[in-house]
Amino acid sequence: SGGMITRLPVGELTWLGEAGLPRIPSATPD
């Protein structure tokens, strides 16, 4: 748009629909 290029936050938008997937126990904080 107007000579500028941006990226759609496709990871975040997809995560909204998959946030309820089964969690994997991990020592790394969310």
PDB file of all heavy atoms in Angstrom:
ATOM      1  N   SER A   1       0.849  -1.189   0.000  1.00  0.00           N
ATOM      2  CA  SER A   1       0.000   0.000   0.000  1.00  0.00           C
ATOM      3  C   SER A   1       0.881   1.234   0.000  1.00  0.00           C
ATOM      4  O   SER A   1       1.748   1.377   0.868  1.00  0.00           O
ATOM      5  CB  SER A   1      -0.916   0.013   1.228  1.00  0.00           C
ATOM      6  OG  SER A   1      -1.708   1.183   1.261  1.00  0.00           O
ATOM      7  N   GLY A   2       0.657   2.113  -0.985  1.00  0.00           N
ATOM      8  CA  GLY A   2       1.424   3.345  -1.056  1.00  0.00           C
ATOM      9  C   GLY A   2       2.915   3.126  -1.128  1.00  0.00           C
ATOM     10  O   GLY A   2       3.689   3.933  -0.580  1.00  0.00           O
ATOM     11  N   GLY A   3       3.349   2.071  -1.784  1.00  0.00           N
ATOM     12  CA  GLY A   3       4.769   1.789  -1.902  1.00  0.00           C
ATOM     13  C   GLY A   3       5.375   1.103  -0.699  1.00  0.00           C
ATOM     14  O   GLY A   3       6.556   0.736  -0.725  1.00  0.00           O
ATOM     15  N   MET A   4       4.589   0.914   0.374  1.00  0.00           N
ATOM     16  CA  MET A   4       5.075   0.238   1.573  1.00  0.00           C
ATOM     17  C   MET A   4       4.550  -1.195   1.613  1.00  0.00           C
ATOM     18  O   MET A   4       3.423  -1.466   1.202  1.00  0.00           O
ATOM     19  CB  MET A   4       4.621   0.982   2.823  1.00  0.00           C
ATOM     20  CG  MET A   4       5.102   2.421   2.909  1.00  0.00           C
ATOM     21  SD  MET A   4       6.866   2.529   3.231  1.00  0.00           S
ATOM     22  CE  MET A   4       6.926   1.855   4.899  1.00  0.00           C
ATOM     23  N   ILE A   5       5.389  -2.099   2.132  1.00  0.00           N
ATOM     24  CA  ILE A   5       4.989  -3.504   2.264  1.00  0.00           C
ATOM     25  C   ILE A   5       4.955  -3.871   3.740  1.00  0.00           C
ATOM     26  O   ILE A   5       5.892  -3.589   4.496  1.00  0.00           O
ATOM     27  CB  ILE A   5       5.962  -4.428   1.515  1.00  0.00           C
ATOM     28  CG1 ILE A   5       5.873  -4.163   0.010  1.00  0.00           C
ATOM     29  CG2 ILE A   5       5.635  -5.899   1.789  1.00  0.00           C
ATOM     30  CD1 ILE A   5       6.779  -5.024  -0.825  1.00  0.00           C
ATOM     31  N   THR A   6       3.853  -4.474   4.149  1.00  0.00           N
ATOM     32  CA  THR A   6       3.712  -4.960   5.527  1.00  0.00           C
ATOM     33  C   THR A   6       3.342  -6.435   5.479  1.00  0.00           C
ATOM     34  O   THR A   6       2.881  -6.951   4.450  1.00  0.00           O
ATOM     35  CB  THR A   6       2.633  -4.179   6.291  1.00  0.00           C
ATOM     36  OG1 THR A   6       1.377  -4.289   5.578  1.00  0.00           O
ATOM     37  CG2 THR A   6       3.010  -2.706   6.427  1.00  0.00           C
ATOM     38  N   ARG A   7       3.552  -7.109   6.608  1.00  0.00           N
ATOM     39  CA  ARG A   7       3.198  -8.524   6.711  1.00  0.00           C
ATOM     40  C   ARG A   7       1.957  -8.686   7.567  1.00  0.00           C
ATOM     41  O   ARG A   7       1.811  -8.031   8.608  1.00  0.00           O
ATOM     42  CB  ARG A   7       4.344  -9.324   7.323  1.00  0.00           C
ATOM     43  CG  ARG A   7       5.481  -9.585   6.371  1.00  0.00           C
ATOM     44  CD  ARG A   7       6.514 -10.490   7.003  1.00  0.00           C
ATOM     45  NE  ARG A   7       7.214  -9.838   8.102  1.00  0.00           N
ATOM     46  CZ  ARG A   7       7.890 -10.484   9.043  1.00  0.00           C
ATOM     47  NH1 ARG A   7       7.942 -11.810   9.032  1.00  0.00           N
ATOM     48  NH2 ARG A   7       8.504  -9.821   9.997  1.00  0.00           N
ATOM     49  N   LEU A   8       1.065  -9.516   7.106  1.00  0.00           N
ATOM     50  CA  LEU A   8      -0.108  -9.853   7.897  1.00  0.00           C
ATOM     51  C   LEU A   8       0.324 -10.777   9.040  1.00  0.00           C
ATOM     52  O   LEU A   8       1.092 -11.715   8.804  1.00  0.00           O
ATOM     53  CB  LEU A   8      -1.141 -10.554   7.013  1.00  0.00           C
ATOM     54  CG  LEU A   8      -2.581 -10.648   7.513  1.00  0.00           C
ATOM     55  CD1 LEU A   8      -3.207  -9.263   7.586  1.00  0.00           C
ATOM     56  CD2 LEU A   8      -3.395 -11.541   6.574  1.00  0.00           C
ATOM     57  N   PRO A   9      -0.144 -10.543  10.279  1.00  0.00           N
ATOM     58  CA  PRO A   9       0.263 -11.416  11.396  1.00  0.00           C
ATOM     59  C   PRO A   9      -0.441 -12.757  11.334  1.00  0.00           C
ATOM     60  O   PRO A   9      -1.287 -13.093  12.168  1.00  0.00           O
ATOM     61  CB  PRO A   9      -0.146 -10.600  12.623  1.00  0.00           C
ATOM     62  CG  PRO A   9      -1.296  -9.780  12.173  1.00  0.00           C
ATOM     63  CD  PRO A   9      -1.003  -9.428  10.741  1.00  0.00           C
ATOM     64  N   VAL A  10      -0.063 -13.555  10.329  1.00  0.00           N
ATOM     65  CA  VAL A  10      -0.782 -14.800  10.056  1.00  0.00           C
ATOM     66  C   VAL A  10      -0.652 -15.809  11.197  1.00  0.00           C
ATOM     67  O   VAL A  10      -1.561 -16.605  11.437  1.00  0.00           O
ATOM     68  CB  VAL A  10      -0.306 -15.424   8.727  1.00  0.00           C
ATOM     69  CG1 VAL A  10      -0.787 -14.615   7.542  1.00  0.00           C
ATOM     70  CG2 VAL A  10       1.223 -15.546   8.692  1.00  0.00           C
ATOM     71  N   GLY A  11       0.472 -15.793  11.903  1.00  0.00           N
ATOM     72  CA  GLY A  11       0.615 -16.704  13.040  1.00  0.00           C
ATOM     73  C   GLY A  11      -0.374 -16.370  14.135  1.00  0.00           C
ATOM     74  O   GLY A  11      -1.073 -17.258  14.658  1.00  0.00           O
ATOM     75  N   GLU A  12      -0.470 -15.107  14.477  1.00  0.00           N
ATOM     76  CA  GLU A  12      -1.384 -14.681  15.534  1.00  0.00           C
ATOM     77  C   GLU A  12      -2.836 -14.915  15.148  1.00  0.00           C
ATOM     78  O   GLU A  12      -3.644 -15.392  15.957  1.00  0.00           O
ATOM     79  CB  GLU A  12      -1.155 -13.205  15.830  1.00  0.00           C
ATOM     80  CG  GLU A  12      -1.991 -12.651  16.956  1.00  0.00           C
ATOM     81  CD  GLU A  12      -1.643 -11.212  17.269  1.00  0.00           C
ATOM     82  OE1 GLU A  12      -0.608 -10.720  16.786  1.00  0.00           O
ATOM     83  OE2 GLU A  12      -2.420 -10.566  17.992  1.00  0.00           O
ATOM     84  N   LEU A  13      -3.206 -14.594  13.902  1.00  0.00           N
ATOM     85  CA  LEU A  13      -4.587 -14.769  13.457  1.00  0.00           C
ATOM     86  C   LEU A  13      -4.976 -16.244  13.446  1.00  0.00           C
ATOM     87  O   LEU A  13      -6.114 -16.600  13.783  1.00  0.00           O
ATOM     88  CB  LEU A  13      -4.775 -14.150  12.066  1.00  0.00           C
ATOM     89  CG  LEU A  13      -4.622 -12.634  11.981  1.00  0.00           C
ATOM     90  CD1 LEU A  13      -4.684 -12.170  10.538  1.00  0.00           C
ATOM     91  CD2 LEU A  13      -5.715 -11.937  12.806  1.00  0.00           C
ATOM     92  N   THR A  14      -4.054 -17.111  13.037  1.00  0.00           N
ATOM     93  CA  THR A  14      -4.339 -18.551  13.030  1.00  0.00           C
ATOM     94  C   THR A  14      -4.398 -19.100  14.447  1.00  0.00           C
ATOM     95  O   THR A  14      -5.238 -19.953  14.769  1.00  0.00           O
ATOM     96  CB  THR A  14      -3.277 -19.294  12.208  1.00  0.00           C
ATOM     97  OG1 THR A  14      -3.193 -18.710  10.902  1.00  0.00           O
ATOM     98  CG2 THR A  14      -3.636 -20.763  12.066  1.00  0.00           C
ATOM     99  N   TRP A  15      -3.502 -18.627  15.304  1.00  0.00           N
ATOM    100  CA  TRP A  15      -3.483 -19.076  16.703  1.00  0.00           C
ATOM    101  C   TRP A  15      -4.817 -18.793  17.395  1.00  0.00           C
ATOM    102  O   TRP A  15      -5.268 -19.587  18.233  1.00  0.00           O
ATOM    103  CB  TRP A  15      -2.349 -18.379  17.451  1.00  0.00           C
ATOM    104  CG  TRP A  15      -2.367 -18.600  18.927  1.00  0.00           C
ATOM    105  CD1 TRP A  15      -1.905 -19.692  19.604  1.00  0.00           C
ATOM    106  CD2 TRP A  15      -2.899 -17.720  19.935  1.00  0.00           C
ATOM    107  NE1 TRP A  15      -2.101 -19.550  20.962  1.00  0.00           N
ATOM    108  CE2 TRP A  15      -2.715 -18.340  21.183  1.00  0.00           C
ATOM    109  CE3 TRP A  15      -3.497 -16.465  19.888  1.00  0.00           C
ATOM    110  CZ2 TRP A  15      -3.117 -17.751  22.376  1.00  0.00           C
ATOM    111  CZ3 TRP A  15      -3.897 -15.870  21.069  1.00  0.00           C
ATOM    112  CH2 TRP A  15      -3.709 -16.510  22.298  1.00  0.00           C
ATOM    113  N   LEU A  16      -5.495 -17.703  17.036  1.00  0.00           N
ATOM    114  CA  LEU A  16      -6.783 -17.398  17.649  1.00  0.00           C
ATOM    115  C   LEU A  16      -7.776 -18.539  17.475  1.00  0.00           C
ATOM    116  O   LEU A  16      -8.614 -18.782  18.346  1.00  0.00           O
ATOM    117  CB  LEU A  16      -7.367 -16.116  17.047  1.00  0.00           C
ATOM    118  CG  LEU A  16      -6.739 -14.796  17.498  1.00  0.00           C
ATOM    119  CD1 LEU A  16      -7.239 -13.645  16.638  1.00  0.00           C
ATOM    120  CD2 LEU A  16      -7.042 -14.533  18.965  1.00  0.00           C
ATOM    121  N   GLY A  17      -7.688 -19.245  16.357  1.00  0.00           N
ATOM    122  CA  GLY A  17      -8.590 -20.359  16.115  1.00  0.00           C
ATOM    123  C   GLY A  17      -8.064 -21.690  16.607  1.00  0.00           C
ATOM    124  O   GLY A  17      -8.777 -22.690  16.558  1.00  0.00           O
ATOM    125  N   GLU A  18      -6.812 -21.729  17.062  1.00  0.00           N
ATOM    126  CA  GLU A  18      -6.220 -22.991  17.512  1.00  0.00           C
ATOM    127  C   GLU A  18      -5.682 -22.887  18.932  1.00  0.00           C
ATOM    128  O   GLU A  18      -4.927 -23.750  19.382  1.00  0.00           O
ATOM    129  CB  GLU A  18      -5.102 -23.409  16.553  1.00  0.00           C
ATOM    130  CG  GLU A  18      -5.623 -23.677  15.141  1.00  0.00           C
ATOM    131  CD  GLU A  18      -4.603 -24.350  14.248  1.00  0.00           C
ATOM    132  OE1 GLU A  18      -3.401 -24.339  14.582  1.00  0.00           O
ATOM    133  OE2 GLU A  18      -5.020 -24.907  13.217  1.00  0.00           O
ATOM    134  N   ALA A  19      -6.073 -21.840  19.654  1.00  0.00           N
ATOM    135  CA  ALA A  19      -5.573 -21.638  21.013  1.00  0.00           C
ATOM    136  C   ALA A  19      -6.027 -22.740  21.959  1.00  0.00           C
ATOM    137  O   ALA A  19      -5.491 -22.869  23.061  1.00  0.00           O
ATOM    138  CB  ALA A  19      -6.029 -20.279  21.544  1.00  0.00           C
ATOM    139  N   GLY A  20      -7.002 -23.533  21.553  1.00  0.00           N
ATOM    140  CA  GLY A  20      -7.481 -24.609  22.405  1.00  0.00           C
ATOM    141  C   GLY A  20      -6.859 -25.954  22.122  1.00  0.00           C
ATOM    142  O   GLY A  20      -7.338 -26.973  22.627  1.00  0.00           O
ATOM    143  N   LEU A  21      -5.804 -25.995  21.309  1.00  0.00           N
ATOM    144  CA  LEU A  21      -5.131 -27.273  21.059  1.00  0.00           C
ATOM    145  C   LEU A  21      -4.555 -27.830  22.366  1.00  0.00           C
ATOM    146  O   LEU A  21      -4.220 -27.066  23.281  1.00  0.00           O
ATOM    147  CB  LEU A  21      -4.001 -27.087  20.049  1.00  0.00           C
ATOM    148  CG  LEU A  21      -4.413 -26.771  18.603  1.00  0.00           C
ATOM    149  CD1 LEU A  21      -3.188 -26.441  17.768  1.00  0.00           C
ATOM    150  CD2 LEU A  21      -5.164 -27.938  17.987  1.00  0.00           C
ATOM    151  N   PRO A  22      -4.432 -29.151  22.485  1.00  0.00           N
ATOM    152  CA  PRO A  22      -3.882 -29.740  23.717  1.00  0.00           C
ATOM    153  C   PRO A  22      -2.486 -29.203  24.017  1.00  0.00           C
ATOM    154  O   PRO A  22      -1.628 -29.143  23.139  1.00  0.00           O
ATOM    155  CB  PRO A  22      -3.849 -31.242  23.408  1.00  0.00           C
ATOM    156  CG  PRO A  22      -4.858 -31.435  22.328  1.00  0.00           C
ATOM    157  CD  PRO A  22      -4.840 -30.191  21.514  1.00  0.00           C
ATOM    158  N   ARG A  23      -2.248 -28.810  25.257  1.00  0.00           N
ATOM    159  CA  ARG A  23      -0.959 -28.253  25.669  1.00  0.00           C
ATOM    160  C   ARG A  23       0.079 -29.359  25.863  1.00  0.00           C
ATOM    161  O   ARG A  23      -0.228 -30.464  26.297  1.00  0.00           O
ATOM    162  CB  ARG A  23      -1.113 -27.475  26.968  1.00  0.00           C
ATOM    163  CG  ARG A  23      -2.024 -26.253  26.862  1.00  0.00           C
ATOM    164  CD  ARG A  23      -1.434 -25.203  25.946  1.00  0.00           C
ATOM    165  NE  ARG A  23      -0.116 -24.781  26.400  1.00  0.00           N
ATOM    166  CZ  ARG A  23       0.093 -23.818  27.292  1.00  0.00           C
ATOM    167  NH1 ARG A  23      -0.939 -23.167  27.821  1.00  0.00           N
ATOM    168  NH2 ARG A  23       1.315 -23.479  27.645  1.00  0.00           N
ATOM    169  N   ILE A  24       1.330 -29.040  25.534  1.00  0.00           N
ATOM    170  CA  ILE A  24       2.456 -29.927  25.776  1.00  0.00           C
ATOM    171  C   ILE A  24       3.196 -29.408  27.010  1.00  0.00           C
ATOM    172  O   ILE A  24       3.638 -28.255  27.027  1.00  0.00           O
ATOM    173  CB  ILE A  24       3.428 -29.951  24.568  1.00  0.00           C
ATOM    174  CG1 ILE A  24       2.712 -30.450  23.313  1.00  0.00           C
ATOM    175  CG2 ILE A  24       4.640 -30.802  24.880  1.00  0.00           C
ATOM    176  CD1 ILE A  24       2.282 -31.888  23.363  1.00  0.00           C
ATOM    177  N   PRO A  25       3.307 -30.217  28.061  1.00  0.00           N
ATOM    178  CA  PRO A  25       4.039 -29.753  29.252  1.00  0.00           C
ATOM    179  C   PRO A  25       5.462 -29.351  28.885  1.00  0.00           C
ATOM    180  O   PRO A  25       6.166 -30.077  28.171  1.00  0.00           O
ATOM    181  CB  PRO A  25       4.022 -30.962  30.181  1.00  0.00           C
ATOM    182  CG  PRO A  25       2.867 -31.798  29.705  1.00  0.00           C
ATOM    183  CD  PRO A  25       2.793 -31.592  28.222  1.00  0.00           C
ATOM    184  N   SER A  26       5.894 -28.175  29.347  1.00  0.00           N
ATOM    185  CA  SER A  26       7.221 -27.680  29.007  1.00  0.00           C
ATOM    186  C   SER A  26       7.757 -26.833  30.144  1.00  0.00           C
ATOM    187  O   SER A  26       7.004 -26.150  30.837  1.00  0.00           O
ATOM    188  CB  SER A  26       7.171 -26.846  27.720  1.00  0.00           C
ATOM    189  OG  SER A  26       8.407 -26.240  27.449  1.00  0.00           O
ATOM    190  N   ALA A  27       9.071 -26.874  30.306  1.00  0.00           N
ATOM    191  CA  ALA A  27       9.706 -26.039  31.326  1.00  0.00           C
ATOM    192  C   ALA A  27       9.855 -24.600  30.862  1.00  0.00           C
ATOM    193  O   ALA A  27      10.124 -23.707  31.662  1.00  0.00           O
ATOM    194  CB  ALA A  27      11.084 -26.617  31.670  1.00  0.00           C
ATOM    195  N   THR A  28       9.662 -24.357  29.554  1.00  0.00           N
ATOM    196  CA  THR A  28       9.766 -22.995  29.024  1.00  0.00           C
ATOM    197  C   THR A  28       8.483 -22.234  29.308  1.00  0.00           C
ATOM    198  O   THR A  28       7.392 -22.703  28.962  1.00  0.00           O
ATOM    199  CB  THR A  28      10.016 -23.027  27.505  1.00  0.00           C
ATOM    200  OG1 THR A  28      11.135 -23.853  27.223  1.00  0.00           O
ATOM    201  CG2 THR A  28      10.256 -21.622  26.978  1.00  0.00           C
ATOM    202  N   PRO A  29       8.545 -21.058  29.914  1.00  0.00           N
ATOM    203  CA  PRO A  29       7.328 -20.292  30.204  1.00  0.00           C
ATOM    204  C   PRO A  29       6.609 -19.883  28.917  1.00  0.00           C
ATOM    205  O   PRO A  29       7.235 -19.712  27.863  1.00  0.00           O
ATOM    206  CB  PRO A  29       7.851 -19.058  30.960  1.00  0.00           C
ATOM    207  CG  PRO A  29       9.220 -19.432  31.418  1.00  0.00           C
ATOM    208  CD  PRO A  29       9.754 -20.398  30.428  1.00  0.00           C
ATOM    209  N   ASP A  30       5.287 -19.725  29.009  1.00  0.00           N
ATOM    210  CA  ASP A  30       4.514 -19.234  27.872  1.00  0.00           C
ATOM    211  C   ASP A  30       5.044 -17.872  27.434  1.00  0.00           C
ATOM    212  O   ASP A  30       5.446 -17.047  28.264  1.00  0.00           O
ATOM    213  CB  ASP A  30       3.044 -19.098  28.257  1.00  0.00           C
ATOM    214  CG  ASP A  30       2.336 -20.446  28.267  1.00  0.00           C
ATOM    215  OD1 ASP A  30       2.999 -21.459  27.993  1.00  0.00           O
ATOM    216  OD2 ASP A  30       1.131 -20.483  28.561  1.00  0.00           O
TER     217      ASP A  30
END
